[in-house]
Amino acid sequence: MLIEQDTVEVEVFRRSDSWRPSYYYWGDMVVLESVELSLSVESIYERVRNEDVIRFLADINP
């Protein structure tokens, strides 16, 4: 799992998918099958304050 620090983007690689990346963005749910855990992208970026996050927060809280 790679979490971008400058933009809201989470990249997950799975062996079951031949290590091809799956991309997740604001509003998506990331499922980590190997540990049976689901996380929202919003929760991953909860304490991050970069331009992308500030823009998304402004859109949902005008």
PDB file of N, CA and C in Angstrom:
ATOM      1  N   MET A   1       0.849  -1.160   0.000  1.00  0.00           N
ATOM      2  CA  MET A   1       0.000   0.000   0.000  1.00  0.00           C
ATOM      3  C   MET A   1       0.898   1.227   0.000  1.00  0.00           C
ATOM      4  N   LEU A   2       0.648   2.124  -0.934  1.00  0.00           N
ATOM      5  CA  LEU A   2       1.357   3.399  -1.005  1.00  0.00           C
ATOM      6  C   LEU A   2       0.344   4.513  -0.801  1.00  0.00           C
ATOM      7  N   ILE A   3       0.691   5.463   0.041  1.00  0.00           N
ATOM      8  CA  ILE A   3      -0.183   6.596   0.318  1.00  0.00           C
ATOM      9  C   ILE A   3       0.542   7.851  -0.129  1.00  0.00           C
ATOM     10  N   GLU A   4      -0.021   8.520  -1.116  1.00  0.00           N
ATOM     11  CA  GLU A   4       0.591   9.755  -1.618  1.00  0.00           C
ATOM     12  C   GLU A   4       0.507  10.835  -0.552  1.00  0.00           C
ATOM     13  N   GLN A   5       1.547  11.635  -0.431  1.00  0.00           N
ATOM     14  CA  GLN A   5       1.529  12.697   0.570  1.00  0.00           C
ATOM     15  C   GLN A   5       1.119  14.049   0.003  1.00  0.00           C
ATOM     16  N   ASP A   6       1.234  14.242  -1.308  1.00  0.00           N
ATOM     17  CA  ASP A   6       0.903  15.539  -1.894  1.00  0.00           C
ATOM     18  C   ASP A   6      -0.481  15.581  -2.519  1.00  0.00           C
ATOM     19  N   THR A   7      -1.020  14.433  -2.868  1.00  0.00           N
ATOM     20  CA  THR A   7      -2.368  14.348  -3.438  1.00  0.00           C
ATOM     21  C   THR A   7      -3.115  13.238  -2.716  1.00  0.00           C
ATOM     22  N   VAL A   8      -4.440  13.259  -2.824  1.00  0.00           N
ATOM     23  CA  VAL A   8      -5.245  12.212  -2.202  1.00  0.00           C
ATOM     24  C   VAL A   8      -5.309  11.032  -3.164  1.00  0.00           C
ATOM     25  N   GLU A   9      -4.442  10.057  -2.923  1.00  0.00           N
ATOM     26  CA  GLU A   9      -4.398   8.851  -3.750  1.00  0.00           C
ATOM     27  C   GLU A   9      -3.740   7.729  -2.951  1.00  0.00           C
ATOM     28  N   VAL A  10      -4.425   6.597  -2.893  1.00  0.00           N
ATOM     29  CA  VAL A  10      -3.900   5.411  -2.228  1.00  0.00           C
ATOM     30  C   VAL A  10      -3.769   4.327  -3.288  1.00  0.00           C
ATOM     31  N   GLU A  11      -2.627   3.685  -3.311  1.00  0.00           N
ATOM     32  CA  GLU A  11      -2.347   2.647  -4.301  1.00  0.00           C
ATOM     33  C   GLU A  11      -2.113   1.335  -3.544  1.00  0.00           C
ATOM     34  N   VAL A  12      -2.875   0.305  -3.916  1.00  0.00           N
ATOM     35  CA  VAL A  12      -2.770  -0.992  -3.243  1.00  0.00           C
ATOM     36  C   VAL A  12      -2.389  -2.048  -4.270  1.00  0.00           C
ATOM     37  N   PHE A  13      -1.392  -2.836  -3.921  1.00  0.00           N
ATOM     38  CA  PHE A  13      -0.942  -3.941  -4.774  1.00  0.00           C
ATOM     39  C   PHE A  13      -1.341  -5.248  -4.100  1.00  0.00           C
ATOM     40  N   ARG A  14      -1.947  -6.142  -4.885  1.00  0.00           N
ATOM     41  CA  ARG A  14      -2.371  -7.434  -4.343  1.00  0.00           C
ATOM     42  C   ARG A  14      -1.769  -8.575  -5.148  1.00  0.00           C
ATOM     43  N   ARG A  15      -1.258  -9.551  -4.440  1.00  0.00           N
ATOM     44  CA  ARG A  15      -0.731 -10.739  -5.111  1.00  0.00           C
ATOM     45  C   ARG A  15      -1.837 -11.419  -5.916  1.00  0.00           C
ATOM     46  N   SER A  16      -3.056 -11.454  -5.352  1.00  0.00           N
ATOM     47  CA  SER A  16      -4.182 -12.111  -6.026  1.00  0.00           C
ATOM     48  C   SER A  16      -4.548 -11.435  -7.341  1.00  0.00           C
ATOM     49  N   ASP A  17      -4.061 -10.216  -7.547  1.00  0.00           N
ATOM     50  CA  ASP A  17      -4.321  -9.476  -8.787  1.00  0.00           C
ATOM     51  C   ASP A  17      -3.022  -9.291  -9.576  1.00  0.00           C
ATOM     52  N   SER A  18      -2.112 -10.256  -9.439  1.00  0.00           N
ATOM     53  CA  SER A  18      -0.816 -10.239 -10.143  1.00  0.00           C
ATOM     54  C   SER A  18      -0.020  -8.962  -9.870  1.00  0.00           C
ATOM     55  N   TRP A  19      -0.153  -8.430  -8.666  1.00  0.00           N
ATOM     56  CA  TRP A  19       0.568  -7.234  -8.219  1.00  0.00           C
ATOM     57  C   TRP A  19       0.246  -5.988  -9.033  1.00  0.00           C
ATOM     58  N   ARG A  20      -0.886  -6.002  -9.726  1.00  0.00           N
ATOM     59  CA  ARG A  20      -1.322  -4.785 -10.430  1.00  0.00           C
ATOM     60  C   ARG A  20      -1.905  -3.811  -9.410  1.00  0.00           C
ATOM     61  N   PRO A  21      -1.659  -2.531  -9.586  1.00  0.00           N
ATOM     62  CA  PRO A  21      -2.151  -1.567  -8.600  1.00  0.00           C
ATOM     63  C   PRO A  21      -3.648  -1.301  -8.740  1.00  0.00           C
ATOM     64  N   SER A  22      -4.277  -1.086  -7.603  1.00  0.00           N
ATOM     65  CA  SER A  22      -5.646  -0.574  -7.541  1.00  0.00           C
ATOM     66  C   SER A  22      -5.538   0.805  -6.910  1.00  0.00           C
ATOM     67  N   TYR A  23      -6.253   1.764  -7.465  1.00  0.00           N
ATOM     68  CA  TYR A  23      -6.166   3.146  -6.992  1.00  0.00           C
ATOM     69  C   TYR A  23      -7.443   3.533  -6.266  1.00  0.00           C
ATOM     70  N   TYR A  24      -7.287   4.280  -5.184  1.00  0.00           N
ATOM     71  CA  TYR A  24      -8.417   4.723  -4.380  1.00  0.00           C
ATOM     72  C   TYR A  24      -8.279   6.219  -4.137  1.00  0.00           C
ATOM     73  N   TYR A  25      -9.433   6.896  -4.153  1.00  0.00           N
ATOM     74  CA  TYR A  25      -9.471   8.349  -4.016  1.00  0.00           C
ATOM     75  C   TYR A  25     -10.526   8.729  -2.984  1.00  0.00           C
ATOM     76  N   TRP A  26     -10.628  10.016  -2.717  1.00  0.00           N
ATOM     77  CA  TRP A  26     -11.582  10.546  -1.746  1.00  0.00           C
ATOM     78  C   TRP A  26     -12.967   9.960  -2.019  1.00  0.00           C
ATOM     79  N   GLY A  27     -13.605   9.436  -1.000  1.00  0.00           N
ATOM     80  CA  GLY A  27     -14.927   8.832  -1.140  1.00  0.00           C
ATOM     81  C   GLY A  27     -14.884   7.327  -1.330  1.00  0.00           C
ATOM     82  N   ASP A  28     -13.696   6.772  -1.555  1.00  0.00           N
ATOM     83  CA  ASP A  28     -13.545   5.325  -1.759  1.00  0.00           C
ATOM     84  C   ASP A  28     -13.260   4.620  -0.438  1.00  0.00           C
ATOM     85  N   MET A  29     -13.503   3.315  -0.445  1.00  0.00           N
ATOM     86  CA  MET A  29     -13.186   2.456   0.688  1.00  0.00           C
ATOM     87  C   MET A  29     -12.062   1.514   0.268  1.00  0.00           C
ATOM     88  N   VAL A  30     -10.995   1.466   1.048  1.00  0.00           N
ATOM     89  CA  VAL A  30      -9.855   0.591   0.772  1.00  0.00           C
ATOM     90  C   VAL A  30     -10.035  -0.681   1.600  1.00  0.00           C
ATOM     91  N   VAL A  31     -10.018  -1.822   0.925  1.00  0.00           N
ATOM     92  CA  VAL A  31     -10.149  -3.107   1.614  1.00  0.00           C
ATOM     93  C   VAL A  31      -8.795  -3.805   1.583  1.00  0.00           C
ATOM     94  N   LEU A  32      -8.273  -4.094   2.766  1.00  0.00           N
ATOM     95  CA  LEU A  32      -7.023  -4.837   2.887  1.00  0.00           C
ATOM     96  C   LEU A  32      -7.400  -6.277   3.236  1.00  0.00           C
ATOM     97  N   GLU A  33      -7.489  -7.099   2.205  1.00  0.00           N
ATOM     98  CA  GLU A  33      -8.008  -8.456   2.353  1.00  0.00           C
ATOM     99  C   GLU A  33      -7.165  -9.316   3.285  1.00  0.00           C
ATOM    100  N   SER A  34      -5.851  -9.162   3.246  1.00  0.00           N
ATOM    101  CA  SER A  34      -4.964 -10.033   4.029  1.00  0.00           C
ATOM    102  C   SER A  34      -5.147  -9.870   5.537  1.00  0.00           C
ATOM    103  N   VAL A  35      -5.615  -8.704   5.967  1.00  0.00           N
ATOM    104  CA  VAL A  35      -5.832  -8.465   7.398  1.00  0.00           C
ATOM    105  C   VAL A  35      -7.298  -8.180   7.714  1.00  0.00           C
ATOM    106  N   GLU A  36      -8.165  -8.398   6.720  1.00  0.00           N
ATOM    107  CA  GLU A  36      -9.608  -8.206   6.877  1.00  0.00           C
ATOM    108  C   GLU A  36      -9.938  -6.845   7.487  1.00  0.00           C
ATOM    109  N   LEU A  37      -9.436  -5.791   6.838  1.00  0.00           N
ATOM    110  CA  LEU A  37      -9.630  -4.429   7.321  1.00  0.00           C
ATOM    111  C   LEU A  37     -10.125  -3.548   6.188  1.00  0.00           C
ATOM    112  N   SER A  38     -11.115  -2.722   6.483  1.00  0.00           N
ATOM    113  CA  SER A  38     -11.608  -1.740   5.519  1.00  0.00           C
ATOM    114  C   SER A  38     -11.401  -0.349   6.101  1.00  0.00           C
ATOM    115  N   LEU A  39     -10.859   0.543   5.282  1.00  0.00           N
ATOM    116  CA  LEU A  39     -10.611   1.930   5.688  1.00  0.00           C
ATOM    117  C   LEU A  39     -11.131   2.862   4.618  1.00  0.00           C
ATOM    118  N   SER A  40     -11.741   3.948   5.030  1.00  0.00           N
ATOM    119  CA  SER A  40     -12.101   4.964   4.045  1.00  0.00           C
ATOM    120  C   SER A  40     -10.860   5.794   3.743  1.00  0.00           C
ATOM    121  N   VAL A  41     -10.783   6.295   2.539  1.00  0.00           N
ATOM    122  CA  VAL A  41      -9.660   7.168   2.182  1.00  0.00           C
ATOM    123  C   VAL A  41      -9.675   8.397   3.087  1.00  0.00           C
ATOM    124  N   GLU A  42     -10.872   8.877   3.433  1.00  0.00           N
ATOM    125  CA  GLU A  42     -10.971  10.026   4.326  1.00  0.00           C
ATOM    126  C   GLU A  42     -10.296   9.748   5.669  1.00  0.00           C
ATOM    127  N   SER A  43     -10.471   8.541   6.202  1.00  0.00           N
ATOM    128  CA  SER A  43      -9.854   8.230   7.498  1.00  0.00           C
ATOM    129  C   SER A  43      -8.333   8.134   7.388  1.00  0.00           C
ATOM    130  N   ILE A  44      -7.839   7.682   6.247  1.00  0.00           N
ATOM    131  CA  ILE A  44      -6.389   7.608   6.040  1.00  0.00           C
ATOM    132  C   ILE A  44      -5.786   9.010   6.047  1.00  0.00           C
ATOM    133  N   TYR A  45      -6.503   9.969   5.463  1.00  0.00           N
ATOM    134  CA  TYR A  45      -6.005  11.346   5.355  1.00  0.00           C
ATOM    135  C   TYR A  45      -6.562  12.267   6.443  1.00  0.00           C
ATOM    136  N   GLU A  46      -7.113  11.704   7.498  1.00  0.00           N
ATOM    137  CA  GLU A  46      -7.799  12.478   8.534  1.00  0.00           C
ATOM    138  C   GLU A  46      -6.974  13.630   9.112  1.00  0.00           C
ATOM    139  N   ARG A  47      -5.704  13.430   9.343  1.00  0.00           N
ATOM    140  CA  ARG A  47      -4.873  14.470   9.960  1.00  0.00           C
ATOM    141  C   ARG A  47      -3.946  15.167   8.975  1.00  0.00           C
ATOM    142  N   VAL A  48      -4.148  14.935   7.691  1.00  0.00           N
ATOM    143  CA  VAL A  48      -3.319  15.554   6.656  1.00  0.00           C
ATOM    144  C   VAL A  48      -3.958  16.871   6.237  1.00  0.00           C
ATOM    145  N   ARG A  49      -3.151  17.889   6.051  1.00  0.00           N
ATOM    146  CA  ARG A  49      -3.656  19.183   5.587  1.00  0.00           C
ATOM    147  C   ARG A  49      -2.793  19.659   4.422  1.00  0.00           C
ATOM    148  N   ASN A  50      -3.026  19.075   3.254  1.00  0.00           N
ATOM    149  CA  ASN A  50      -2.363  19.555   2.044  1.00  0.00           C
ATOM    150  C   ASN A  50      -3.429  20.169   1.141  1.00  0.00           C
ATOM    151  N   GLU A  51      -3.047  20.697   0.007  1.00  0.00           N
ATOM    152  CA  GLU A  51      -3.991  21.396  -0.871  1.00  0.00           C
ATOM    153  C   GLU A  51      -5.156  20.511  -1.294  1.00  0.00           C
ATOM    154  N   ASP A  52      -4.876  19.265  -1.640  1.00  0.00           N
ATOM    155  CA  ASP A  52      -5.928  18.346  -2.074  1.00  0.00           C
ATOM    156  C   ASP A  52      -6.961  18.115  -0.971  1.00  0.00           C
ATOM    157  N   VAL A  53      -6.493  17.824   0.227  1.00  0.00           N
ATOM    158  CA  VAL A  53      -7.401  17.552   1.341  1.00  0.00           C
ATOM    159  C   VAL A  53      -8.210  18.797   1.678  1.00  0.00           C
ATOM    160  N   ILE A  54      -7.576  19.938   1.719  1.00  0.00           N
ATOM    161  CA  ILE A  54      -8.279  21.188   2.022  1.00  0.00           C
ATOM    162  C   ILE A  54      -9.370  21.449   0.991  1.00  0.00           C
ATOM    163  N   ARG A  55      -9.082  21.186  -0.283  1.00  0.00           N
ATOM    164  CA  ARG A  55     -10.077  21.372  -1.348  1.00  0.00           C
ATOM    165  C   ARG A  55     -11.256  20.409  -1.164  1.00  0.00           C
ATOM    166  N   PHE A  56     -10.989  19.133  -0.868  1.00  0.00           N
ATOM    167  CA  PHE A  56     -12.069  18.163  -0.659  1.00  0.00           C
ATOM    168  C   PHE A  56     -12.911  18.538   0.551  1.00  0.00           C
ATOM    169  N   LEU A  57     -12.270  18.960   1.630  1.00  0.00           N
ATOM    170  CA  LEU A  57     -13.008  19.356   2.823  1.00  0.00           C
ATOM    171  C   LEU A  57     -13.867  20.588   2.561  1.00  0.00           C
ATOM    172  N   ALA A  58     -13.364  21.520   1.770  1.00  0.00           N
ATOM    173  CA  ALA A  58     -14.136  22.717   1.425  1.00  0.00           C
ATOM    174  C   ALA A  58     -15.352  22.351   0.582  1.00  0.00           C
ATOM    175  N   ASP A  59     -15.216  21.350  -0.283  1.00  0.00           N
ATOM    176  CA  ASP A  59     -16.337  20.921  -1.129  1.00  0.00           C
ATOM    177  C   ASP A  59     -17.455  20.275  -0.318  1.00  0.00           C
ATOM    178  N   ILE A  60     -17.107  19.565   0.760  1.00  0.00           N
ATOM    179  CA  ILE A  60     -18.153  18.908   1.540  1.00  0.00           C
ATOM    180  C   ILE A  60     -18.662  19.778   2.691  1.00  0.00           C
ATOM    181  N   ASN A  61     -17.928  20.830   3.028  1.00  0.00           N
ATOM    182  CA  ASN A  61     -18.333  21.764   4.089  1.00  0.00           C
ATOM    183  C   ASN A  61     -18.245  23.198   3.581  1.00  0.00           C
ATOM    184  N   PRO A  62     -19.103  23.566   2.623  1.00  0.00           N
ATOM    185  CA  PRO A  62     -18.984  24.929   2.047  1.00  0.00           C
ATOM    186  C   PRO A  62     -19.286  26.028   3.041  1.00  0.00           C
TER     187      PRO A  62
END
